[in-house]
Amino acid sequence: MRACVFRGGQLAIVDVPEPRPEPGQVLVRTLACGICGTDLHFLKHSETIARLNDEIVPTLGPAAIGSPHVDLSRDVFMGHEFCAEVLEVGADTSGPRPGTRVVSVPVVLSSAGVHRLAYNNDYPCGYAERFLLSSDLLVEVPNGLEPKLAALTEPLAVGVHAVAKSGFRPGDTAIVLGCGPVGLAVIASLVTAGAETVVATDFSAARRSLAMAMGATSVVDPNSEHVIDVWRREAHDRPLVIFEAVGVRGMIQHILAVVPIGTRVVVVGVCMEPDTITPFYGIAKELSIQFAFAYTLEEFADSLKSIADGHVDVTPMITGTVDLDGMPSAFEALAQPDHHCKILVEPSGTDRQ
C-alpha cells in the first residue's frame, strides 16, 4: 500500500507493507486526514523535536502514553487527525463492523505496548491508505457526518482541552492570539463554554475572517490596533483569559508585559525555540500561566459529538483537499496563511477540490 512518510528531511510517497490486525485491533482505510501545524513544524524542525522528545522521556512518568522517541534515520509515519472506515477486525476482537466510519485518539495498542500514531517509525498513520487502530479506543461517527468534518475532531479537542485547562468561568472574557487551526478551535470551544466576549487577533485577513466565522465577537489586525485596547473597550475590564496560539519566541514575554492584573495565560502554541520571560511581570500582576497539550478521551468524544450535533461548525476551517501525491505541495501552500487554514488528505483521491 502507499503512504506519505518523512524521509531525509522531506516528504516521500512510498510503498509500505500492508498492516495486519492483531487481537484487539482493526484495520482501517483512511477517508480523510488533516494536515496539522505540528506536522509543518516537524518538517522544518525534526532534529530539534526528536532531541527534545528524547530529553523529556525520563521525566514523563507513568501518565505518559507511549514513547515520543523517533529515529530520523528511518522513515517516519505521520497523520493524526483522521476519520477512517473499518475494513477488517482482528481475531477475538469485538467492536465496530467493517464499513463503520470511526475516529480515534491517535494511539494504537499492541502486544508490544502503546504506540503513538504520529511521528513514529513502525505504525502507519493517517497519511497512509490503511493503518491499524485499537478497537477499544474507537468512536463511531454518528449522524452520517462527513469524514472531512469528523477528521477535525482531533484539532477541536485540542481547543476544548485548552479552554478546560484555563478554568474559564461564566463572566470571564477571552483574547485569542493567532487564528490558525488551534486558535480557531479555541474560539469555537470558548463559544461553546458560554463566552460572551472573544477578541481574536492575527496578521492574516483571511484568518481573521475565519475567526469571526468560528464565533469571535471581534477581530484585530495587530498592525492597526492593540488587542488589549479592543478587549478593554468590549469587556470593560472583566476577568481575562488569554490564549497564546502562535508559538513564536517572545510571545509569552509580550503577553506578561501588557495584560492586566489577575490575567490567566494559556499557552497552546508550540514554540520550538528557547525563550525568555521576566518573572517580575507575572509576580507584580499575580498572573497564572498554564501550558496545554492534547486532550482527554472524554474531551475527544465530546468534540466529535459537538460537530455531529451541529453545535460547532468546523466547515469554514477546511480550505482544500489533496491526495497523497498532492501532499508536498499542500505543505508548501499551508505556509501561506492568507490562502489556506486546514487542508485534508484523502489517500484515495475521492472528491478532491
Protein backbone atom coordinates (compact mmCIF):
# COMPACT_ATOMS: atom_id res chain seq x y z
CA MET A 1 0.00 0.00 0.00
CA ARG A 2 1.03 3.65 -0.37
CA ALA A 3 1.90 6.10 2.36
CA CYS A 4 3.42 9.54 2.71
CA VAL A 5 6.45 9.48 5.03
CA PHE A 6 9.10 11.85 6.27
CA ARG A 7 12.41 10.70 4.77
CA GLY A 8 15.72 12.51 4.75
CA GLY A 9 14.25 15.90 5.57
CA GLN A 10 11.38 15.83 3.11
CA LEU A 11 8.11 14.11 2.28
CA ALA A 12 8.14 10.99 0.12
CA ILE A 13 5.35 8.80 -1.26
CA VAL A 14 6.41 5.19 -0.76
CA ASP A 15 5.10 1.63 -0.76
CA VAL A 16 4.96 0.05 2.70
CA PRO A 17 3.86 -3.41 3.90
CA GLU A 18 0.15 -3.96 4.40
CA PRO A 19 -0.60 -3.92 8.16
CA ARG A 20 -2.34 -6.92 9.69
CA PRO A 21 -4.55 -6.52 12.78
CA GLU A 22 -3.69 -8.34 16.00
CA PRO A 23 -6.35 -9.30 18.54
CA GLY A 24 -7.82 -6.06 19.85
CA GLN A 25 -7.01 -4.17 16.66
CA VAL A 26 -8.86 -3.25 13.49
CA LEU A 27 -7.57 -2.46 10.02
CA VAL A 28 -8.99 0.81 8.71
CA ARG A 29 -8.98 2.76 5.45
CA THR A 30 -8.17 6.46 5.69
CA LEU A 31 -11.08 8.57 4.48
CA ALA A 32 -9.70 11.98 5.46
CA CYS A 33 -6.74 13.21 7.50
CA GLY A 34 -5.95 16.81 8.40
CA ILE A 35 -2.51 18.30 7.98
CA CYS A 36 -1.61 19.61 11.42
CA GLY A 37 0.52 22.65 12.16
CA THR A 38 2.76 20.38 14.21
CA ASP A 39 3.40 18.38 11.04
CA LEU A 40 4.65 21.57 9.38
CA HIS A 41 6.89 22.16 12.41
CA PHE A 42 8.20 18.60 12.16
CA LEU A 43 9.20 19.08 8.55
CA LYS A 44 11.30 22.13 9.48
CA HIS A 45 12.45 21.23 12.98
CA SER A 46 12.56 17.42 13.02
CA GLU A 47 16.00 17.21 14.64
CA THR A 48 15.03 19.65 17.39
CA ILE A 49 11.73 17.88 18.04
CA ALA A 50 13.42 14.47 18.17
CA ARG A 51 16.06 15.78 20.59
CA LEU A 52 13.54 17.49 22.87
CA ASN A 53 11.33 14.40 22.92
CA ASP A 54 14.27 12.24 23.96
CA GLU A 55 15.17 14.74 26.68
CA ILE A 56 11.72 14.65 28.27
CA VAL A 57 11.27 10.86 28.14
CA PRO A 58 12.90 10.26 31.57
CA THR A 59 10.62 12.89 33.16
CA LEU A 60 7.27 11.80 31.72
CA GLY A 61 6.36 9.30 34.42
CA PRO A 62 3.60 6.66 34.34
CA ALA A 63 0.98 9.08 32.94
CA ALA A 64 2.76 9.19 29.57
CA ILE A 65 1.03 7.47 26.67
CA GLY A 66 3.70 5.69 24.68
CA SER A 67 7.20 6.95 23.98
CA PRO A 68 7.71 10.01 21.76
CA HIS A 69 11.10 8.73 20.58
CA VAL A 70 11.58 8.76 16.82
CA ASP A 71 14.57 7.64 14.72
CA LEU A 72 15.16 10.17 11.93
CA SER A 73 17.46 7.77 10.07
CA ARG A 74 14.35 5.72 9.25
CA ASP A 75 11.07 6.62 7.56
CA VAL A 76 8.69 8.47 9.88
CA PHE A 77 4.92 7.96 9.65
CA MET A 78 2.64 10.94 10.31
CA GLY A 79 -1.05 11.91 10.24
CA HIS A 80 -3.03 12.05 13.50
CA GLU A 81 -6.22 13.99 12.59
CA PHE A 82 -8.16 11.26 10.84
CA CYS A 83 -11.50 9.70 10.04
CA ALA A 84 -11.39 6.13 8.76
CA GLU A 85 -13.53 3.18 7.69
CA VAL A 86 -13.18 -0.21 9.36
CA LEU A 87 -12.08 -2.86 6.86
CA GLU A 88 -11.12 -5.87 8.99
CA VAL A 89 -11.35 -6.84 12.65
CA GLY A 90 -8.58 -8.79 14.39
CA ALA A 91 -9.14 -12.25 15.86
CA ASP A 92 -11.20 -12.43 19.05
CA THR A 93 -11.95 -8.72 18.78
CA SER A 94 -15.27 -7.02 19.38
CA GLY A 95 -16.09 -3.62 18.05
CA PRO A 96 -17.49 -1.83 15.01
CA ARG A 97 -18.16 -3.97 11.98
CA PRO A 98 -16.45 -3.48 8.61
CA GLY A 99 -17.89 -0.46 6.83
CA THR A 100 -18.27 1.58 10.04
CA ARG A 101 -16.78 5.07 9.99
CA VAL A 102 -14.72 5.84 13.07
CA VAL A 103 -12.36 8.28 14.69
CA SER A 104 -9.88 7.60 17.47
CA VAL A 105 -7.29 9.25 19.63
CA PRO A 106 -4.00 8.72 17.72
CA VAL A 107 -2.82 5.72 19.71
CA VAL A 108 -2.68 2.01 18.94
CA LEU A 109 -2.17 -0.77 21.48
CA SER A 110 -0.28 -3.92 20.56
CA SER A 111 1.29 -6.91 22.26
CA ALA A 112 4.48 -4.83 22.39
CA GLY A 113 2.95 -1.85 24.19
CA VAL A 114 1.44 1.55 23.44
CA HIS A 115 2.34 3.38 20.24
CA ARG A 116 1.64 6.96 19.20
CA LEU A 117 0.14 7.34 15.75
CA ALA A 118 2.18 10.42 14.97
CA TYR A 119 5.92 10.73 14.28
CA ASN A 120 6.74 7.06 14.70
CA ASN A 121 8.82 4.58 12.71
CA ASP A 122 6.73 1.42 12.87
CA TYR A 123 3.00 2.13 12.58
CA PRO A 124 1.43 3.81 9.54
CA CYS A 125 -0.91 6.68 10.43
CA GLY A 126 -3.46 8.83 8.62
CA TYR A 127 -1.10 9.70 5.76
CA ALA A 128 -1.32 6.10 4.62
CA GLU A 129 -4.02 4.31 2.65
CA ARG A 130 -4.63 1.90 5.53
CA PHE A 131 -3.47 1.59 9.13
CA LEU A 132 -4.27 -0.06 12.47
CA LEU A 133 -6.37 1.20 15.35
CA SER A 134 -7.35 -0.27 18.71
CA SER A 135 -10.94 -1.46 18.90
CA ASP A 136 -11.40 -0.23 22.49
CA LEU A 137 -10.43 3.34 21.53
CA LEU A 138 -12.71 3.71 18.51
CA VAL A 139 -15.53 6.24 18.48
CA GLU A 140 -18.16 5.67 15.81
CA VAL A 141 -19.00 8.67 13.64
CA PRO A 142 -22.71 9.49 14.22
CA ASN A 143 -25.45 11.15 12.20
CA GLY A 144 -23.93 10.37 8.81
CA LEU A 145 -21.32 13.04 9.47
CA GLU A 146 -18.99 13.66 6.53
CA PRO A 147 -15.49 12.20 7.02
CA LYS A 148 -13.97 15.62 6.26
CA LEU A 149 -15.77 17.10 9.25
CA ALA A 150 -15.22 14.11 11.53
CA ALA A 151 -11.47 14.34 10.85
CA LEU A 152 -11.45 17.69 12.64
CA THR A 153 -12.45 16.03 15.92
CA GLU A 154 -8.80 15.89 16.97
CA PRO A 155 -7.90 19.57 16.45
CA LEU A 156 -11.19 20.68 18.01
CA ALA A 157 -10.39 18.54 21.06
CA VAL A 158 -7.13 20.47 21.46
CA GLY A 159 -9.17 23.68 21.75
CA VAL A 160 -11.65 22.07 24.15
CA HIS A 161 -8.79 20.91 26.37
CA ALA A 162 -7.11 24.33 26.35
CA VAL A 163 -10.33 26.02 27.45
CA ALA A 164 -10.85 23.39 30.16
CA LYS A 165 -7.30 23.92 31.43
CA SER A 166 -7.88 27.68 31.55
CA GLY A 167 -10.60 27.31 34.18
CA PHE A 168 -12.84 29.54 32.08
CA ARG A 169 -15.93 30.62 34.04
CA PRO A 170 -19.17 32.45 33.20
CA GLY A 171 -18.41 36.16 33.19
CA ASP A 172 -14.82 35.69 32.01
CA THR A 173 -13.69 37.20 28.73
CA ALA A 174 -11.06 35.93 26.32
CA ILE A 175 -8.37 37.01 23.88
CA VAL A 176 -7.03 34.52 21.35
CA LEU A 177 -3.66 35.34 19.80
CA GLY A 178 -3.31 33.51 16.48
CA CYS A 179 -6.17 32.31 14.28
CA GLY A 180 -4.68 29.17 12.80
CA PRO A 181 -6.47 25.84 13.31
CA VAL A 182 -5.62 25.68 17.03
CA GLY A 183 -6.68 29.28 17.66
CA LEU A 184 -9.92 28.70 15.75
CA ALA A 185 -10.58 25.54 17.78
CA VAL A 186 -10.07 27.56 20.96
CA ILE A 187 -12.52 30.21 19.73
CA ALA A 188 -15.17 27.60 18.94
CA SER A 189 -14.64 25.98 22.34
CA LEU A 190 -14.93 29.31 24.14
CA VAL A 191 -18.24 29.99 22.42
CA THR A 192 -19.48 26.54 23.47
CA ALA A 193 -18.33 27.29 27.02
CA GLY A 194 -20.55 30.39 27.07
CA ALA A 195 -18.04 33.17 26.41
CA GLU A 196 -19.75 36.44 25.57
CA THR A 197 -16.59 38.32 24.58
CA VAL A 198 -13.88 36.67 22.47
CA VAL A 199 -11.38 39.01 20.82
CA ALA A 200 -9.10 37.35 18.27
CA THR A 201 -6.02 38.71 16.53
CA ASP A 202 -3.96 37.62 13.54
CA PHE A 203 -1.90 39.34 10.84
CA SER A 204 -3.81 37.41 8.15
CA ALA A 205 -7.06 39.00 6.99
CA ALA A 206 -8.31 35.61 5.80
CA ARG A 207 -7.76 34.05 9.20
CA ARG A 208 -9.41 36.98 10.96
CA SER A 209 -12.46 36.30 8.78
CA LEU A 210 -12.34 32.65 9.81
CA ALA A 211 -12.18 33.70 13.45
CA MET A 212 -15.43 35.62 13.03
CA ALA A 213 -16.99 32.61 11.31
CA MET A 214 -15.99 30.42 14.27
CA GLY A 215 -17.61 32.76 16.79
CA ALA A 216 -15.20 35.56 17.76
CA THR A 217 -17.06 38.72 18.76
CA SER A 218 -14.39 40.91 17.19
CA VAL A 219 -11.07 40.58 15.39
CA VAL A 220 -7.99 42.78 15.43
CA ASP A 221 -5.26 43.47 12.90
CA PRO A 222 -2.11 43.82 15.05
CA ASN A 223 -0.77 46.32 12.53
CA SER A 224 -3.58 48.77 13.20
CA GLU A 225 -4.70 48.39 16.82
CA HIS A 226 -3.61 46.73 20.05
CA VAL A 227 -5.77 43.77 21.04
CA ILE A 228 -5.77 44.79 24.72
CA ASP A 229 -7.31 48.15 23.79
CA VAL A 230 -10.10 46.39 21.90
CA TRP A 231 -10.66 43.99 24.79
CA ARG A 232 -10.92 46.84 27.31
CA ARG A 233 -13.48 48.58 25.11
CA GLU A 234 -15.62 45.45 24.76
CA ALA A 235 -15.11 43.67 28.07
CA HIS A 236 -14.96 46.61 30.50
CA ASP A 237 -12.11 45.03 32.44
CA ARG A 238 -13.97 41.83 33.28
CA PRO A 239 -11.68 38.85 34.15
CA LEU A 240 -9.44 37.97 31.22
CA VAL A 241 -8.13 34.65 29.95
CA ILE A 242 -5.65 35.00 27.09
CA PHE A 243 -4.72 32.10 24.81
CA GLU A 244 -1.34 32.11 23.07
CA ALA A 245 -1.85 30.07 19.89
CA VAL A 246 1.05 31.39 17.82
CA GLY A 247 4.09 29.51 19.11
CA VAL A 248 6.68 32.19 18.35
CA ARG A 249 9.56 33.17 20.59
CA GLY A 250 8.84 36.32 22.56
CA MET A 251 5.04 35.94 22.64
CA ILE A 252 4.82 34.88 26.29
CA GLN A 253 7.03 37.75 27.39
CA HIS A 254 4.91 40.19 25.41
CA ILE A 255 1.73 38.85 26.99
CA LEU A 256 3.10 39.14 30.53
CA ALA A 257 4.13 42.74 29.85
CA VAL A 258 0.78 44.01 28.52
CA VAL A 259 -2.03 42.09 30.26
CA PRO A 260 -3.83 43.45 33.33
CA ILE A 261 -3.62 42.18 36.91
CA GLY A 262 -5.01 38.69 37.52
CA THR A 263 -4.99 37.53 33.88
CA ARG A 264 -4.80 33.80 33.26
CA VAL A 265 -2.47 32.93 30.38
CA VAL A 266 -2.88 29.64 28.49
CA VAL A 267 -0.04 28.61 26.17
CA VAL A 268 -1.24 26.23 23.47
CA GLY A 269 1.03 27.35 20.61
CA VAL A 270 4.10 25.15 20.08
CA CYS A 271 7.35 27.13 20.16
CA MET A 272 10.41 25.08 19.25
CA GLU A 273 12.98 27.63 20.41
CA PRO A 274 14.32 28.59 23.84
CA ASP A 275 12.51 31.62 25.21
CA THR A 276 12.98 34.19 27.96
CA ILE A 277 10.48 35.84 30.29
CA THR A 278 10.73 38.48 33.00
CA PRO A 279 9.19 36.87 36.11
CA PHE A 280 8.65 40.29 37.72
CA TYR A 281 5.73 40.96 35.35
CA GLY A 282 3.96 37.82 36.48
CA ILE A 283 4.71 38.40 40.16
CA ALA A 284 3.67 42.05 40.19
CA LYS A 285 0.38 41.29 38.43
CA GLU A 286 -0.25 37.88 40.06
CA LEU A 287 -0.62 36.21 36.67
CA SER A 288 -1.19 32.50 36.12
CA ILE A 289 0.44 30.60 33.25
CA GLN A 290 -0.99 27.26 32.11
CA PHE A 291 0.53 25.16 29.33
CA ALA A 292 -1.92 22.89 27.47
CA PHE A 293 -1.29 19.82 25.32
CA ALA A 294 -3.61 17.31 23.63
CA TYR A 295 -6.87 16.28 25.41
CA THR A 296 -8.60 13.57 27.42
CA LEU A 297 -10.59 10.66 25.97
CA GLU A 298 -13.80 12.32 27.18
CA GLU A 299 -12.89 15.64 25.56
CA PHE A 300 -12.16 13.84 22.30
CA ALA A 301 -15.53 12.07 22.28
CA ASP A 302 -17.36 15.26 23.27
CA SER A 303 -15.68 17.13 20.40
CA LEU A 304 -16.99 14.64 17.86
CA LYS A 305 -20.46 14.93 19.35
CA SER A 306 -20.32 18.73 19.17
CA ILE A 307 -19.50 18.56 15.46
CA ALA A 308 -22.07 15.86 14.68
CA ASP A 309 -24.84 17.63 16.61
CA GLY A 310 -24.13 20.91 14.83
CA HIS A 311 -23.05 22.78 17.96
CA VAL A 312 -19.69 23.51 16.35
CA ASP A 313 -19.42 24.09 12.60
CA VAL A 314 -15.85 23.28 11.54
CA THR A 315 -16.64 23.65 7.83
CA PRO A 316 -15.04 27.12 7.49
CA MET A 317 -11.69 25.73 8.62
CA ILE A 318 -11.43 23.35 5.64
CA THR A 319 -9.83 25.19 2.73
CA GLY A 320 -8.70 22.34 0.47
CA THR A 321 -8.19 18.62 -0.07
CA VAL A 322 -5.43 16.63 -1.77
CA ASP A 323 -4.50 13.03 -2.40
CA LEU A 324 -1.19 11.52 -1.30
CA ASP A 325 0.64 12.80 -4.35
CA GLY A 326 -0.51 16.34 -3.58
CA MET A 327 0.85 16.38 -0.04
CA PRO A 328 4.22 18.06 -0.72
CA SER A 329 2.51 20.96 -2.47
CA ALA A 330 -0.12 21.12 0.30
CA PHE A 331 2.61 21.55 2.93
CA GLU A 332 4.03 24.42 0.87
CA ALA A 333 0.60 26.01 0.46
CA LEU A 334 -0.06 25.94 4.21
CA ALA A 335 2.91 28.24 4.70
CA GLN A 336 0.72 30.98 3.17
CA PRO A 337 -1.89 31.80 5.85
CA ASP A 338 -3.97 34.01 3.54
CA HIS A 339 -4.64 31.08 1.23
CA HIS A 340 -5.21 28.09 3.48
CA CYS A 341 -6.13 27.06 7.02
CA LYS A 342 -6.74 23.30 7.04
CA ILE A 343 -6.00 21.01 4.10
CA LEU A 344 -7.28 17.44 4.31
CA VAL A 345 -5.59 14.44 2.78
CA GLU A 346 -7.79 11.85 1.08
CA PRO A 347 -5.45 9.00 0.12
CA SER A 348 -7.99 7.53 -2.31
CA GLY A 349 -8.25 10.90 -4.05
CA THR A 350 -12.06 10.96 -3.89
CA ASP A 351 -13.84 14.32 -4.14
CA ARG A 352 -10.68 16.42 -4.22
CA GLN A 353 -11.09 20.16 -4.61
